[in-house]
Amino acid sequence: MSKYENDINSEAVQNFIETQGLELKKFHALGGPIHETVAFNAELHKDGKAIAFANDDGNGGGVYLNTHPNPSTKPEIVEIATALEEAAIVWYECDYGDKRPVHWKLNDLVGEMAMDILEEKEWKTKTRTKIFVRASDCGEGEYHVYQRKAKVSDKITNAMREKSIVEMVCKRFGIDGVVEIRGLRTTEDWRTLATK
């Protein structure tokens, strides 16, 4: 197992993405996992301008970046790849061989950006009917799950239910024992619903 130092959500990687003005648009996942990963197509944008077509066939290997039909953007791709190489952001350290650090490369970065989009879509689906609470007693990726009692359109009942769930978990785990709450619709910051 390799030790990840800077995953896609690390400050160093997010700063690079923001500084370069990178974003994936027109993202389309092509079904579930094909062989090794999820196949997808997307456009890579820099400062709002499409500079490459990104795709992964899901059969292993890297993400392909293609400047066709606009080959004039190739220098921009090279510039971003060079900047990422010069930033020397360690992605993970190999646990075999010489245990060398592996640095981020542009195709890996685009692939992880795509997986982030997929994860957000999954969470949006999951939180339609449930609220997920990660407390200090949960392991990595584990959550306490609470069922919504009302339709999404019933904003008043949902707001009351969300407040009661937040108060209940804060009482159970303590406000400092609650790590994360996903699926709230009435607020981005669950702490606003918590009473001390």
C-alpha atoms as a PDB file:
ATOM      1  CA  MET A   1       0.000   0.000   0.000  1.00  0.00           C
ATOM      2  CA  SER A   2       1.376   3.395  -0.948  1.00  0.00           C
ATOM      3  CA  LYS A   3       1.260   6.394   1.352  1.00  0.00           C
ATOM      4  CA  TYR A   4      -0.559   9.347  -0.193  1.00  0.00           C
ATOM      5  CA  GLU A   5       0.943  12.694   0.691  1.00  0.00           C
ATOM      6  CA  ASN A   6      -1.077  15.028  -1.496  1.00  0.00           C
ATOM      7  CA  ASP A   7      -4.371  13.684  -2.761  1.00  0.00           C
ATOM      8  CA  ILE A   8      -6.595  15.673  -5.109  1.00  0.00           C
ATOM      9  CA  ASN A   9      -8.107  17.607  -2.183  1.00  0.00           C
ATOM     10  CA  SER A  10      -4.798  18.615  -0.597  1.00  0.00           C
ATOM     11  CA  GLU A  11      -4.000  22.293  -0.338  1.00  0.00           C
ATOM     12  CA  ALA A  12      -0.981  22.035  -2.668  1.00  0.00           C
ATOM     13  CA  VAL A  13      -2.959  20.360  -5.457  1.00  0.00           C
ATOM     14  CA  GLN A  14      -6.014  22.608  -5.072  1.00  0.00           C
ATOM     15  CA  ASN A  15      -3.763  25.700  -5.153  1.00  0.00           C
ATOM     16  CA  PHE A  16      -2.195  24.462  -8.390  1.00  0.00           C
ATOM     17  CA  ILE A  17      -5.602  23.833  -9.985  1.00  0.00           C
ATOM     18  CA  GLU A  18      -6.835  27.279  -8.909  1.00  0.00           C
ATOM     19  CA  THR A  19      -3.644  29.111  -9.938  1.00  0.00           C
ATOM     20  CA  GLN A  20      -3.730  27.489 -13.376  1.00  0.00           C
ATOM     21  CA  GLY A  21      -7.477  28.121 -13.743  1.00  0.00           C
ATOM     22  CA  LEU A  22      -8.176  24.459 -14.532  1.00  0.00           C
ATOM     23  CA  GLU A  23     -11.656  22.977 -14.702  1.00  0.00           C
ATOM     24  CA  LEU A  24     -13.339  19.982 -16.298  1.00  0.00           C
ATOM     25  CA  LYS A  25     -16.519  20.714 -18.233  1.00  0.00           C
ATOM     26  CA  LYS A  26     -18.899  18.667 -20.361  1.00  0.00           C
ATOM     27  CA  PHE A  27     -18.091  15.665 -18.182  1.00  0.00           C
ATOM     28  CA  HIS A  28     -19.765  12.399 -19.172  1.00  0.00           C
ATOM     29  CA  ALA A  29     -19.138   9.113 -17.367  1.00  0.00           C
ATOM     30  CA  LEU A  30     -19.589   6.162 -19.675  1.00  0.00           C
ATOM     31  CA  GLY A  31     -21.227   3.611 -17.391  1.00  0.00           C
ATOM     32  CA  GLY A  32     -19.678   2.038 -14.326  1.00  0.00           C
ATOM     33  CA  PRO A  33     -16.170   0.664 -13.976  1.00  0.00           C
ATOM     34  CA  ILE A  34     -15.199  -0.839 -17.325  1.00  0.00           C
ATOM     35  CA  HIS A  35     -12.098  -2.793 -16.420  1.00  0.00           C
ATOM     36  CA  GLU A  36      -9.940  -0.821 -14.001  1.00  0.00           C
ATOM     37  CA  THR A  37     -11.562   2.604 -13.752  1.00  0.00           C
ATOM     38  CA  VAL A  38     -14.629   4.518 -14.905  1.00  0.00           C
ATOM     39  CA  ALA A  39     -14.511   5.546 -18.544  1.00  0.00           C
ATOM     40  CA  PHE A  40     -15.239   9.215 -19.173  1.00  0.00           C
ATOM     41  CA  ASN A  41     -15.054  12.063 -21.662  1.00  0.00           C
ATOM     42  CA  ALA A  42     -14.614  15.721 -20.691  1.00  0.00           C
ATOM     43  CA  GLU A  43     -13.168  19.020 -21.809  1.00  0.00           C
ATOM     44  CA  LEU A  44     -10.226  20.525 -19.933  1.00  0.00           C
ATOM     45  CA  HIS A  45     -10.621  24.287 -19.578  1.00  0.00           C
ATOM     46  CA  LYS A  46      -8.028  26.862 -18.567  1.00  0.00           C
ATOM     47  CA  ASP A  47      -9.423  30.209 -17.472  1.00  0.00           C
ATOM     48  CA  GLY A  48     -12.769  29.318 -19.057  1.00  0.00           C
ATOM     49  CA  LYS A  49     -11.314  28.342 -22.455  1.00  0.00           C
ATOM     50  CA  ALA A  50     -11.365  24.757 -23.731  1.00  0.00           C
ATOM     51  CA  ILE A  51      -7.787  23.633 -24.311  1.00  0.00           C
ATOM     52  CA  ALA A  52      -8.052  19.851 -24.547  1.00  0.00           C
ATOM     53  CA  PHE A  53     -10.385  16.913 -24.807  1.00  0.00           C
ATOM     54  CA  ALA A  54      -9.777  14.428 -21.965  1.00  0.00           C
ATOM     55  CA  ASN A  55     -10.830  10.813 -22.041  1.00  0.00           C
ATOM     56  CA  ASP A  56     -10.211   7.565 -20.228  1.00  0.00           C
ATOM     57  CA  ASP A  57     -11.289   4.263 -21.754  1.00  0.00           C
ATOM     58  CA  GLY A  58     -11.462   2.594 -18.335  1.00  0.00           C
ATOM     59  CA  ASN A  59      -9.043  -0.167 -19.287  1.00  0.00           C
ATOM     60  CA  GLY A  60      -6.014   0.998 -17.332  1.00  0.00           C
ATOM     61  CA  GLY A  61      -3.307   3.356 -18.409  1.00  0.00           C
ATOM     62  CA  GLY A  62      -3.588   7.087 -18.146  1.00  0.00           C
ATOM     63  CA  VAL A  63      -6.017   9.758 -19.176  1.00  0.00           C
ATOM     64  CA  TYR A  64      -5.552  10.892 -22.758  1.00  0.00           C
ATOM     65  CA  LEU A  65      -5.366  14.619 -23.461  1.00  0.00           C
ATOM     66  CA  ASN A  66      -6.012  15.545 -27.054  1.00  0.00           C
ATOM     67  CA  THR A  67      -5.896  19.090 -28.435  1.00  0.00           C
ATOM     68  CA  HIS A  68      -7.746  18.069 -31.615  1.00  0.00           C
ATOM     69  CA  PRO A  69      -9.597  19.894 -33.202  1.00  0.00           C
ATOM     70  CA  ASN A  70      -7.659  22.894 -31.856  1.00  0.00           C
ATOM     71  CA  PRO A  71      -3.931  22.059 -32.036  1.00  0.00           C
ATOM     72  CA  SER A  72      -3.079  25.704 -31.269  1.00  0.00           C
ATOM     73  CA  THR A  73      -3.710  24.975 -27.558  1.00  0.00           C
ATOM     74  CA  LYS A  74      -0.884  22.411 -27.380  1.00  0.00           C
ATOM     75  CA  PRO A  75       1.599  25.007 -26.008  1.00  0.00           C
ATOM     76  CA  GLU A  76      -0.835  25.723 -23.159  1.00  0.00           C
ATOM     77  CA  ILE A  77      -0.997  22.017 -22.290  1.00  0.00           C
ATOM     78  CA  VAL A  78       2.801  21.803 -22.320  1.00  0.00           C
ATOM     79  CA  GLU A  79       3.013  24.942 -20.159  1.00  0.00           C
ATOM     80  CA  ILE A  80       0.621  23.502 -17.549  1.00  0.00           C
ATOM     81  CA  ALA A  81       2.385  20.112 -17.559  1.00  0.00           C
ATOM     82  CA  THR A  82       5.756  21.847 -17.137  1.00  0.00           C
ATOM     83  CA  ALA A  83       4.437  24.020 -14.289  1.00  0.00           C
ATOM     84  CA  LEU A  84       3.112  20.910 -12.540  1.00  0.00           C
ATOM     85  CA  GLU A  85       6.446  19.149 -13.013  1.00  0.00           C
ATOM     86  CA  GLU A  86       8.321  22.182 -11.648  1.00  0.00           C
ATOM     87  CA  ALA A  87       5.950  22.384  -8.660  1.00  0.00           C
ATOM     88  CA  ALA A  88       7.156  18.845  -7.791  1.00  0.00           C
ATOM     89  CA  ILE A  89       4.068  18.053  -5.722  1.00  0.00           C
ATOM     90  CA  VAL A  90       4.513  14.564  -4.286  1.00  0.00           C
ATOM     91  CA  TRP A  91       1.397  12.492  -4.950  1.00  0.00           C
ATOM     92  CA  TYR A  92       2.481   9.384  -3.044  1.00  0.00           C
ATOM     93  CA  GLU A  93       5.522   7.411  -2.026  1.00  0.00           C
ATOM     94  CA  CYS A  94       6.018   3.934  -3.444  1.00  0.00           C
ATOM     95  CA  ASP A  95       6.280   1.208  -0.856  1.00  0.00           C
ATOM     96  CA  TYR A  96       8.325  -1.079  -3.066  1.00  0.00           C
ATOM     97  CA  GLY A  97      11.684  -0.819  -4.779  1.00  0.00           C
ATOM     98  CA  ASP A  98      13.586   2.327  -3.926  1.00  0.00           C
ATOM     99  CA  LYS A  99      10.544   3.910  -2.197  1.00  0.00           C
ATOM    100  CA  ARG A 100      10.824   6.962  -4.418  1.00  0.00           C
ATOM    101  CA  PRO A 101       8.228   9.714  -4.326  1.00  0.00           C
ATOM    102  CA  VAL A 102       5.822   9.855  -7.272  1.00  0.00           C
ATOM    103  CA  HIS A 103       4.978  13.370  -8.426  1.00  0.00           C
ATOM    104  CA  TRP A 104       1.734  14.552  -9.977  1.00  0.00           C
ATOM    105  CA  LYS A 105       1.537  14.563 -13.777  1.00  0.00           C
ATOM    106  CA  LEU A 106      -1.126  16.390 -15.781  1.00  0.00           C
ATOM    107  CA  ASN A 107      -2.970  13.315 -17.040  1.00  0.00           C
ATOM    108  CA  ASP A 108      -3.140  11.945 -13.466  1.00  0.00           C
ATOM    109  CA  LEU A 109      -4.421  15.294 -12.210  1.00  0.00           C
ATOM    110  CA  VAL A 110      -7.169  15.387 -14.850  1.00  0.00           C
ATOM    111  CA  GLY A 111      -8.135  11.797 -14.016  1.00  0.00           C
ATOM    112  CA  GLU A 112      -8.434  12.626 -10.309  1.00  0.00           C
ATOM    113  CA  MET A 113     -10.448  15.770 -11.128  1.00  0.00           C
ATOM    114  CA  ALA A 114     -12.831  13.506 -13.054  1.00  0.00           C
ATOM    115  CA  MET A 115     -13.102  11.065 -10.118  1.00  0.00           C
ATOM    116  CA  ASP A 116     -13.903  14.046  -7.859  1.00  0.00           C
ATOM    117  CA  ILE A 117     -16.801  14.977 -10.154  1.00  0.00           C
ATOM    118  CA  LEU A 118     -18.054  11.379 -10.025  1.00  0.00           C
ATOM    119  CA  GLU A 119     -17.807  11.323  -6.238  1.00  0.00           C
ATOM    120  CA  GLU A 120     -19.787  14.565  -5.961  1.00  0.00           C
ATOM    121  CA  LYS A 121     -22.499  13.121  -8.222  1.00  0.00           C
ATOM    122  CA  GLU A 122     -22.652   9.991  -6.055  1.00  0.00           C
ATOM    123  CA  TRP A 123     -22.973  12.084  -2.895  1.00  0.00           C
ATOM    124  CA  LYS A 124     -25.720  14.169  -4.475  1.00  0.00           C
ATOM    125  CA  THR A 125     -27.652  10.972  -5.198  1.00  0.00           C
ATOM    126  CA  LYS A 126     -27.005   9.478  -1.743  1.00  0.00           C
ATOM    127  CA  THR A 127     -27.996  12.625   0.131  1.00  0.00           C
ATOM    128  CA  ARG A 128     -31.303  12.990  -1.669  1.00  0.00           C
ATOM    129  CA  THR A 129     -32.955  10.732   0.922  1.00  0.00           C
ATOM    130  CA  LYS A 130     -30.328  10.471   3.680  1.00  0.00           C
ATOM    131  CA  ILE A 131     -28.063  12.564   5.879  1.00  0.00           C
ATOM    132  CA  PHE A 132     -24.563  11.204   6.542  1.00  0.00           C
ATOM    133  CA  VAL A 133     -22.711  12.004   9.753  1.00  0.00           C
ATOM    134  CA  ARG A 134     -19.050  11.189  10.246  1.00  0.00           C
ATOM    135  CA  ALA A 135     -18.103  11.288  13.911  1.00  0.00           C
ATOM    136  CA  SER A 136     -14.808  10.754  15.681  1.00  0.00           C
ATOM    137  CA  ASP A 137     -15.741   7.101  16.304  1.00  0.00           C
ATOM    138  CA  CYS A 138     -16.063   6.390  12.565  1.00  0.00           C
ATOM    139  CA  GLY A 139     -13.285   4.833  10.518  1.00  0.00           C
ATOM    140  CA  GLU A 140     -12.213   6.173   7.140  1.00  0.00           C
ATOM    141  CA  GLY A 141     -15.242   6.292   4.839  1.00  0.00           C
ATOM    142  CA  GLU A 142     -17.685   5.273   7.588  1.00  0.00           C
ATOM    143  CA  TYR A 143     -20.771   7.328   8.408  1.00  0.00           C
ATOM    144  CA  HIS A 144     -23.814   7.205  10.648  1.00  0.00           C
ATOM    145  CA  VAL A 145     -26.821   7.425   8.307  1.00  0.00           C
ATOM    146  CA  TYR A 146     -30.108   9.174   9.088  1.00  0.00           C
ATOM    147  CA  GLN A 147     -33.186   8.870   6.886  1.00  0.00           C
ATOM    148  CA  ARG A 148     -35.036  11.941   5.670  1.00  0.00           C
ATOM    149  CA  LYS A 149     -38.700  11.813   6.667  1.00  0.00           C
ATOM    150  CA  ALA A 150     -40.108  14.252   4.109  1.00  0.00           C
ATOM    151  CA  LYS A 151     -40.037  14.846   0.373  1.00  0.00           C
ATOM    152  CA  VAL A 152     -37.297  17.092  -0.945  1.00  0.00           C
ATOM    153  CA  SER A 153     -39.914  19.712  -1.822  1.00  0.00           C
ATOM    154  CA  ASP A 154     -41.115  19.927   1.809  1.00  0.00           C
ATOM    155  CA  LYS A 155     -38.574  22.517   2.893  1.00  0.00           C
ATOM    156  CA  ILE A 156     -40.097  23.304   6.302  1.00  0.00           C
ATOM    157  CA  THR A 157     -40.228  19.671   7.482  1.00  0.00           C
ATOM    158  CA  ASN A 158     -36.724  19.026   6.128  1.00  0.00           C
ATOM    159  CA  ALA A 159     -35.357  22.091   7.930  1.00  0.00           C
ATOM    160  CA  MET A 160     -36.852  20.941  11.240  1.00  0.00           C
ATOM    161  CA  ARG A 161     -35.588  17.365  10.714  1.00  0.00           C
ATOM    162  CA  GLU A 162     -32.084  18.582   9.849  1.00  0.00           C
ATOM    163  CA  LYS A 163     -31.952  20.759  12.973  1.00  0.00           C
ATOM    164  CA  SER A 164     -33.105  17.863  15.167  1.00  0.00           C
ATOM    165  CA  ILE A 165     -30.518  15.485  13.617  1.00  0.00           C
ATOM    166  CA  VAL A 166     -27.692  17.996  14.125  1.00  0.00           C
ATOM    167  CA  GLU A 167     -28.738  18.589  17.738  1.00  0.00           C
ATOM    168  CA  MET A 168     -29.034  14.827  18.338  1.00  0.00           C
ATOM    169  CA  VAL A 169     -25.574  13.993  16.945  1.00  0.00           C
ATOM    170  CA  CYS A 170     -23.979  16.919  18.789  1.00  0.00           C
ATOM    171  CA  LYS A 171     -25.521  15.650  22.006  1.00  0.00           C
ATOM    172  CA  ARG A 172     -24.404  12.067  21.273  1.00  0.00           C
ATOM    173  CA  PHE A 173     -20.822  12.777  20.102  1.00  0.00           C
ATOM    174  CA  GLY A 174     -20.244  16.306  21.396  1.00  0.00           C
ATOM    175  CA  ILE A 175     -19.876  19.210  18.991  1.00  0.00           C
ATOM    176  CA  ASP A 176     -16.130  18.530  18.696  1.00  0.00           C
ATOM    177  CA  GLY A 177     -16.789  14.832  18.052  1.00  0.00           C
ATOM    178  CA  VAL A 178     -18.703  15.536  14.832  1.00  0.00           C
ATOM    179  CA  VAL A 179     -16.231  15.551  11.948  1.00  0.00           C
ATOM    180  CA  GLU A 180     -18.558  16.096   8.983  1.00  0.00           C
ATOM    181  CA  ILE A 181     -22.236  16.145   8.057  1.00  0.00           C
ATOM    182  CA  ARG A 182     -23.206  15.635   4.408  1.00  0.00           C
ATOM    183  CA  GLY A 183     -26.633  16.052   2.897  1.00  0.00           C
ATOM    184  CA  LEU A 184     -27.958  19.121   4.688  1.00  0.00           C
ATOM    185  CA  ARG A 185     -30.039  21.356   2.436  1.00  0.00           C
ATOM    186  CA  THR A 186     -30.772  24.261   4.741  1.00  0.00           C
ATOM    187  CA  THR A 187     -27.166  25.285   5.356  1.00  0.00           C
ATOM    188  CA  GLU A 188     -23.622  24.597   4.170  1.00  0.00           C
ATOM    189  CA  ASP A 189     -22.229  24.765   7.724  1.00  0.00           C
ATOM    190  CA  TRP A 190     -23.902  22.309  10.100  1.00  0.00           C
ATOM    191  CA  ARG A 191     -22.512  24.227  13.083  1.00  0.00           C
ATOM    192  CA  THR A 192     -25.120  26.948  12.496  1.00  0.00           C
ATOM    193  CA  LEU A 193     -27.819  24.393  13.424  1.00  0.00           C
ATOM    194  CA  ALA A 194     -25.993  23.099  16.502  1.00  0.00           C
ATOM    195  CA  THR A 195     -26.866  24.354  19.957  1.00  0.00           C
ATOM    196  CA  LYS A 196     -24.182  24.303  22.611  1.00  0.00           C
END
